[in-house]
């Protein structure tokens, strides 16, 4: 199903300084092809959707 997308990304702050991102189902959602999360180095750190080969992906809304 092309409309299925991965869950949103949330930073796990227990692993500084390289924060890990975990998938949650809240706010920002990723396109289906972006099946991973990366953490930015902003303060506070934020998560972004990523696809392991193409790098960071734009955040998009999930379609029902």
PDB file of N, CA and C in Angstrom:
ATOM      1  N   UNK A   1       0.849  -1.187   0.000  1.00  0.00           N
ATOM      2  CA  UNK A   1       0.000   0.000   0.000  1.00  0.00           C
ATOM      3  C   UNK A   1       0.884   1.236   0.000  1.00  0.00           C
ATOM      4  N   UNK A   2       0.777   2.028  -1.058  1.00  0.00           N
ATOM      5  CA  UNK A   2       1.633   3.205  -1.193  1.00  0.00           C
ATOM      6  C   UNK A   2       1.360   4.276  -0.146  1.00  0.00           C
ATOM      7  N   UNK A   3       0.188   4.192   0.515  1.00  0.00           N
ATOM      8  CA  UNK A   3      -0.136   5.215   1.495  1.00  0.00           C
ATOM      9  C   UNK A   3       0.346   4.884   2.902  1.00  0.00           C
ATOM     10  N   UNK A   4       0.889   3.700   3.060  1.00  0.00           N
ATOM     11  CA  UNK A   4       1.391   3.330   4.385  1.00  0.00           C
ATOM     12  C   UNK A   4       2.705   4.057   4.618  1.00  0.00           C
ATOM     13  N   UNK A   5       2.815   4.716   5.747  1.00  0.00           N
ATOM     14  CA  UNK A   5       4.088   5.383   6.022  1.00  0.00           C
ATOM     15  C   UNK A   5       4.604   5.003   7.393  1.00  0.00           C
ATOM     16  N   UNK A   6       5.868   5.209   7.575  1.00  0.00           N
ATOM     17  CA  UNK A   6       6.464   4.859   8.845  1.00  0.00           C
ATOM     18  C   UNK A   6       6.008   5.834   9.907  1.00  0.00           C
ATOM     19  N   UNK A   7       6.204   5.473  11.170  1.00  0.00           N
ATOM     20  CA  UNK A   7       5.789   6.321  12.262  1.00  0.00           C
ATOM     21  C   UNK A   7       6.671   7.552  12.374  1.00  0.00           C
ATOM     22  N   UNK A   8       6.264   8.474  13.181  1.00  0.00           N
ATOM     23  CA  UNK A   8       7.051   9.673  13.429  1.00  0.00           C
ATOM     24  C   UNK A   8       8.336   9.328  14.151  1.00  0.00           C
ATOM     25  N   UNK A   9       9.205  10.311  14.261  1.00  0.00           N
ATOM     26  CA  UNK A   9      10.497  10.093  14.891  1.00  0.00           C
ATOM     27  C   UNK A   9      10.569  10.874  16.200  1.00  0.00           C
ATOM     28  N   UNK A  10      11.134  10.260  17.189  1.00  0.00           N
ATOM     29  CA  UNK A  10      11.314  10.920  18.477  1.00  0.00           C
ATOM     30  C   UNK A  10      12.729  10.667  18.963  1.00  0.00           C
ATOM     31  N   UNK A  11      13.394  11.716  19.471  1.00  0.00           N
ATOM     32  CA  UNK A  11      14.752  11.533  19.967  1.00  0.00           C
ATOM     33  C   UNK A  11      14.765  10.850  21.320  1.00  0.00           C
ATOM     34  N   UNK A  12      15.672   9.920  21.463  1.00  0.00           N
ATOM     35  CA  UNK A  12      15.919   9.277  22.744  1.00  0.00           C
ATOM     36  C   UNK A  12      17.120   9.972  23.358  1.00  0.00           C
ATOM     37  N   UNK A  13      16.884  10.785  24.362  1.00  0.00           N
ATOM     38  CA  UNK A  13      17.957  11.601  24.927  1.00  0.00           C
ATOM     39  C   UNK A  13      18.838  10.853  25.914  1.00  0.00           C
ATOM     40  N   UNK A  14      18.623   9.558  26.049  1.00  0.00           N
ATOM     41  CA  UNK A  14      19.438   8.800  26.998  1.00  0.00           C
ATOM     42  C   UNK A  14      20.779   8.417  26.415  1.00  0.00           C
ATOM     43  N   UNK A  15      21.022   8.760  25.155  1.00  0.00           N
ATOM     44  CA  UNK A  15      22.246   8.303  24.503  1.00  0.00           C
ATOM     45  C   UNK A  15      23.067   9.455  23.932  1.00  0.00           C
ATOM     46  N   UNK A  16      23.312  10.523  24.700  1.00  0.00           N
ATOM     47  CA  UNK A  16      24.130  11.617  24.177  1.00  0.00           C
ATOM     48  C   UNK A  16      25.581  11.174  24.050  1.00  0.00           C
ATOM     49  N   UNK A  17      26.402  11.857  23.216  1.00  0.00           N
ATOM     50  CA  UNK A  17      25.986  13.018  22.439  1.00  0.00           C
ATOM     51  C   UNK A  17      25.383  12.641  21.111  1.00  0.00           C
ATOM     52  N   UNK A  18      25.405  11.370  20.756  1.00  0.00           N
ATOM     53  CA  UNK A  18      24.807  10.955  19.494  1.00  0.00           C
ATOM     54  C   UNK A  18      23.429  10.409  19.794  1.00  0.00           C
ATOM     55  N   UNK A  19      22.448  11.298  19.795  1.00  0.00           N
ATOM     56  CA  UNK A  19      21.102  10.912  20.174  1.00  0.00           C
ATOM     57  C   UNK A  19      20.538   9.899  19.192  1.00  0.00           C
ATOM     58  N   UNK A  20      19.860   8.922  19.738  1.00  0.00           N
ATOM     59  CA  UNK A  20      19.218   7.915  18.905  1.00  0.00           C
ATOM     60  C   UNK A  20      17.779   8.340  18.678  1.00  0.00           C
ATOM     61  N   UNK A  21      17.260   7.991  17.511  1.00  0.00           N
ATOM     62  CA  UNK A  21      15.868   8.285  17.248  1.00  0.00           C
ATOM     63  C   UNK A  21      15.069   7.002  17.302  1.00  0.00           C
ATOM     64  N   UNK A  22      13.891   7.118  17.884  1.00  0.00           N
ATOM     65  CA  UNK A  22      13.007   5.967  17.944  1.00  0.00           C
ATOM     66  C   UNK A  22      11.732   6.302  17.204  1.00  0.00           C
ATOM     67  N   UNK A  23      11.054   5.288  16.710  1.00  0.00           N
ATOM     68  CA  UNK A  23       9.808   5.520  16.003  1.00  0.00           C
ATOM     69  C   UNK A  23       8.646   5.542  16.977  1.00  0.00           C
ATOM     70  N   UNK A  24       7.797   6.516  16.813  1.00  0.00           N
ATOM     71  CA  UNK A  24       6.609   6.661  17.646  1.00  0.00           C
ATOM     72  C   UNK A  24       5.468   7.019  16.723  1.00  0.00           C
ATOM     73  N   UNK A  25       4.236   6.952  17.190  1.00  0.00           N
ATOM     74  CA  UNK A  25       3.231   7.426  16.266  1.00  0.00           C
ATOM     75  C   UNK A  25       2.626   8.724  16.772  1.00  0.00           C
ATOM     76  N   UNK A  26       3.339   9.794  16.459  1.00  0.00           N
ATOM     77  CA  UNK A  26       2.986  11.154  16.859  1.00  0.00           C
ATOM     78  C   UNK A  26       3.400  12.121  15.768  1.00  0.00           C
ATOM     79  N   UNK A  27       2.967  13.344  15.881  1.00  0.00           N
ATOM     80  CA  UNK A  27       3.177  14.456  14.951  1.00  0.00           C
ATOM     81  C   UNK A  27       3.806  14.145  13.592  1.00  0.00           C
ATOM     82  N   UNK A  28       5.070  14.485  13.373  1.00  0.00           N
ATOM     83  CA  UNK A  28       5.687  14.362  12.047  1.00  0.00           C
ATOM     84  C   UNK A  28       5.697  12.924  11.547  1.00  0.00           C
ATOM     85  N   UNK A  29       5.340  12.748  10.311  1.00  0.00           N
ATOM     86  CA  UNK A  29       5.360  11.418   9.709  1.00  0.00           C
ATOM     87  C   UNK A  29       6.234  11.410   8.471  1.00  0.00           C
ATOM     88  N   UNK A  30       6.715  10.221   8.174  1.00  0.00           N
ATOM     89  CA  UNK A  30       7.618  10.071   7.046  1.00  0.00           C
ATOM     90  C   UNK A  30       6.907   9.434   5.866  1.00  0.00           C
ATOM     91  N   UNK A  31       7.381   9.741   4.668  1.00  0.00           N
ATOM     92  CA  UNK A  31       6.912   8.989   3.503  1.00  0.00           C
ATOM     93  C   UNK A  31       7.286   7.522   3.663  1.00  0.00           C
ATOM     94  N   UNK A  32       6.569   6.648   3.009  1.00  0.00           N
ATOM     95  CA  UNK A  32       6.796   5.213   3.159  1.00  0.00           C
ATOM     96  C   UNK A  32       8.234   4.825   2.853  1.00  0.00           C
ATOM     97  N   UNK A  33       8.852   5.513   1.895  1.00  0.00           N
ATOM     98  CA  UNK A  33      10.208   5.152   1.503  1.00  0.00           C
ATOM     99  C   UNK A  33      11.242   5.558   2.541  1.00  0.00           C
ATOM    100  N   UNK A  34      10.840   6.431   3.461  1.00  0.00           N
ATOM    101  CA  UNK A  34      11.774   6.882   4.496  1.00  0.00           C
ATOM    102  C   UNK A  34      11.509   6.070   5.746  1.00  0.00           C
ATOM    103  N   UNK A  35      12.250   4.988   5.881  1.00  0.00           N
ATOM    104  CA  UNK A  35      11.913   4.015   6.909  1.00  0.00           C
ATOM    105  C   UNK A  35      12.847   4.072   8.101  1.00  0.00           C
ATOM    106  N   UNK A  36      13.505   5.197   8.280  1.00  0.00           N
ATOM    107  CA  UNK A  36      14.437   5.320   9.386  1.00  0.00           C
ATOM    108  C   UNK A  36      14.390   6.752   9.910  1.00  0.00           C
ATOM    109  N   UNK A  37      14.999   6.972  11.071  1.00  0.00           N
ATOM    110  CA  UNK A  37      15.002   8.302  11.667  1.00  0.00           C
ATOM    111  C   UNK A  37      16.437   8.731  11.945  1.00  0.00           C
ATOM    112  N   UNK A  38      16.695  10.026  11.811  1.00  0.00           N
ATOM    113  CA  UNK A  38      17.992  10.573  12.198  1.00  0.00           C
ATOM    114  C   UNK A  38      17.753  11.742  13.138  1.00  0.00           C
ATOM    115  N   UNK A  39      18.723  11.994  14.000  1.00  0.00           N
ATOM    116  CA  UNK A  39      18.605  13.071  14.963  1.00  0.00           C
ATOM    117  C   UNK A  39      19.465  14.250  14.527  1.00  0.00           C
ATOM    118  N   UNK A  40      18.906  15.457  14.611  1.00  0.00           N
ATOM    119  CA  UNK A  40      19.680  16.638  14.268  1.00  0.00           C
ATOM    120  C   UNK A  40      20.558  17.034  15.450  1.00  0.00           C
ATOM    121  N   UNK A  41      21.473  17.941  15.215  1.00  0.00           N
ATOM    122  CA  UNK A  41      22.341  18.390  16.297  1.00  0.00           C
ATOM    123  C   UNK A  41      21.852  19.696  16.886  1.00  0.00           C
ATOM    124  N   UNK A  42      20.596  20.038  16.640  1.00  0.00           N
ATOM    125  CA  UNK A  42      20.046  21.260  17.199  1.00  0.00           C
ATOM    126  C   UNK A  42      19.836  21.083  18.707  1.00  0.00           C
ATOM    127  N   UNK A  43      19.514  22.176  19.363  1.00  0.00           N
ATOM    128  CA  UNK A  43      19.269  22.111  20.797  1.00  0.00           C
ATOM    129  C   UNK A  43      17.909  22.728  21.077  1.00  0.00           C
ATOM    130  N   UNK A  44      16.916  21.933  21.476  1.00  0.00           N
ATOM    131  CA  UNK A  44      17.033  20.492  21.706  1.00  0.00           C
ATOM    132  C   UNK A  44      17.099  19.733  20.395  1.00  0.00           C
ATOM    133  N   UNK A  45      17.696  18.521  20.411  1.00  0.00           N
ATOM    134  CA  UNK A  45      17.787  17.744  19.188  1.00  0.00           C
ATOM    135  C   UNK A  45      16.405  17.367  18.674  1.00  0.00           C
ATOM    136  N   UNK A  46      16.279  17.241  17.373  1.00  0.00           N
ATOM    137  CA  UNK A  46      15.015  16.856  16.774  1.00  0.00           C
ATOM    138  C   UNK A  46      15.260  15.716  15.810  1.00  0.00           C
ATOM    139  N   UNK A  47      14.203  14.964  15.549  1.00  0.00           N
ATOM    140  CA  UNK A  47      14.345  13.848  14.629  1.00  0.00           C
ATOM    141  C   UNK A  47      13.783  14.196  13.274  1.00  0.00           C
ATOM    142  N   UNK A  48      14.383  13.603  12.268  1.00  0.00           N
ATOM    143  CA  UNK A  48      13.918  13.769  10.906  1.00  0.00           C
ATOM    144  C   UNK A  48      13.792  12.397  10.267  1.00  0.00           C
ATOM    145  N   UNK A  49      12.902  12.316   9.305  1.00  0.00           N
ATOM    146  CA  UNK A  49      12.776  11.068   8.556  1.00  0.00           C
ATOM    147  C   UNK A  49      13.994  10.914   7.662  1.00  0.00           C
ATOM    148  N   UNK A  50      14.376   9.684   7.438  1.00  0.00           N
ATOM    149  CA  UNK A  50      15.488   9.450   6.538  1.00  0.00           C
ATOM    150  C   UNK A  50      15.281   8.163   5.781  1.00  0.00           C
ATOM    151  N   UNK A  51      15.940   8.051   4.674  1.00  0.00           N
ATOM    152  CA  UNK A  51      15.982   6.784   3.968  1.00  0.00           C
ATOM    153  C   UNK A  51      17.459   6.473   3.918  1.00  0.00           C
ATOM    154  N   UNK A  52      17.832   5.308   4.319  1.00  0.00           N
ATOM    155  CA  UNK A  52      19.231   4.993   4.606  1.00  0.00           C
ATOM    156  C   UNK A  52      20.176   5.262   3.449  1.00  0.00           C
ATOM    157  N   UNK A  53      19.673   5.251   2.217  1.00  0.00           N
ATOM    158  CA  UNK A  53      20.560   5.463   1.092  1.00  0.00           C
ATOM    159  C   UNK A  53      20.531   6.883   0.577  1.00  0.00           C
ATOM    160  N   UNK A  54      19.404   7.550   0.688  1.00  0.00           N
ATOM    161  CA  UNK A  54      19.271   8.883   0.108  1.00  0.00           C
ATOM    162  C   UNK A  54      19.459  10.022   1.109  1.00  0.00           C
ATOM    163  N   UNK A  55      19.636   9.669   2.365  1.00  0.00           N
ATOM    164  CA  UNK A  55      19.806  10.743   3.336  1.00  0.00           C
ATOM    165  C   UNK A  55      18.468  11.288   3.817  1.00  0.00           C
ATOM    166  N   UNK A  56      18.478  12.522   4.249  1.00  0.00           N
ATOM    167  CA  UNK A  56      17.300  13.101   4.869  1.00  0.00           C
ATOM    168  C   UNK A  56      16.164  13.274   3.866  1.00  0.00           C
ATOM    169  N   UNK A  57      14.948  13.012   4.317  1.00  0.00           N
ATOM    170  CA  UNK A  57      13.773  13.132   3.466  1.00  0.00           C
ATOM    171  C   UNK A  57      12.851  14.204   4.019  1.00  0.00           C
ATOM    172  N   UNK A  58      12.079  14.857   3.151  1.00  0.00           N
ATOM    173  CA  UNK A  58      11.123  15.850   3.632  1.00  0.00           C
ATOM    174  C   UNK A  58      10.036  15.180   4.460  1.00  0.00           C
ATOM    175  N   UNK A  59       9.599  15.854   5.502  1.00  0.00           N
ATOM    176  CA  UNK A  59       8.531  15.321   6.333  1.00  0.00           C
ATOM    177  C   UNK A  59       7.197  15.572   5.640  1.00  0.00           C
ATOM    178  N   UNK A  60       6.375  14.558   5.567  1.00  0.00           N
ATOM    179  CA  UNK A  60       5.072  14.704   4.933  1.00  0.00           C
ATOM    180  C   UNK A  60       4.000  14.123   5.836  1.00  0.00           C
ATOM    181  N   UNK A  61       2.768  14.489   5.574  1.00  0.00           N
ATOM    182  CA  UNK A  61       1.650  13.964   6.346  1.00  0.00           C
ATOM    183  C   UNK A  61       1.345  12.542   5.893  1.00  0.00           C
ATOM    184  N   UNK A  62       0.853  11.729   6.816  1.00  0.00           N
ATOM    185  CA  UNK A  62       0.398  10.400   6.422  1.00  0.00           C
ATOM    186  C   UNK A  62      -0.943  10.523   5.725  1.00  0.00           C
ATOM    187  N   UNK A  63      -1.159   9.659   4.756  1.00  0.00           N
ATOM    188  CA  UNK A  63      -2.456   9.601   4.099  1.00  0.00           C
ATOM    189  C   UNK A  63      -3.225   8.411   4.633  1.00  0.00           C
ATOM    190  N   UNK A  64      -4.506   8.609   4.800  1.00  0.00           N
ATOM    191  CA  UNK A  64      -5.302   7.508   5.320  1.00  0.00           C
ATOM    192  C   UNK A  64      -5.797   6.625   4.178  1.00  0.00           C
TER     193      UNK A  64
END
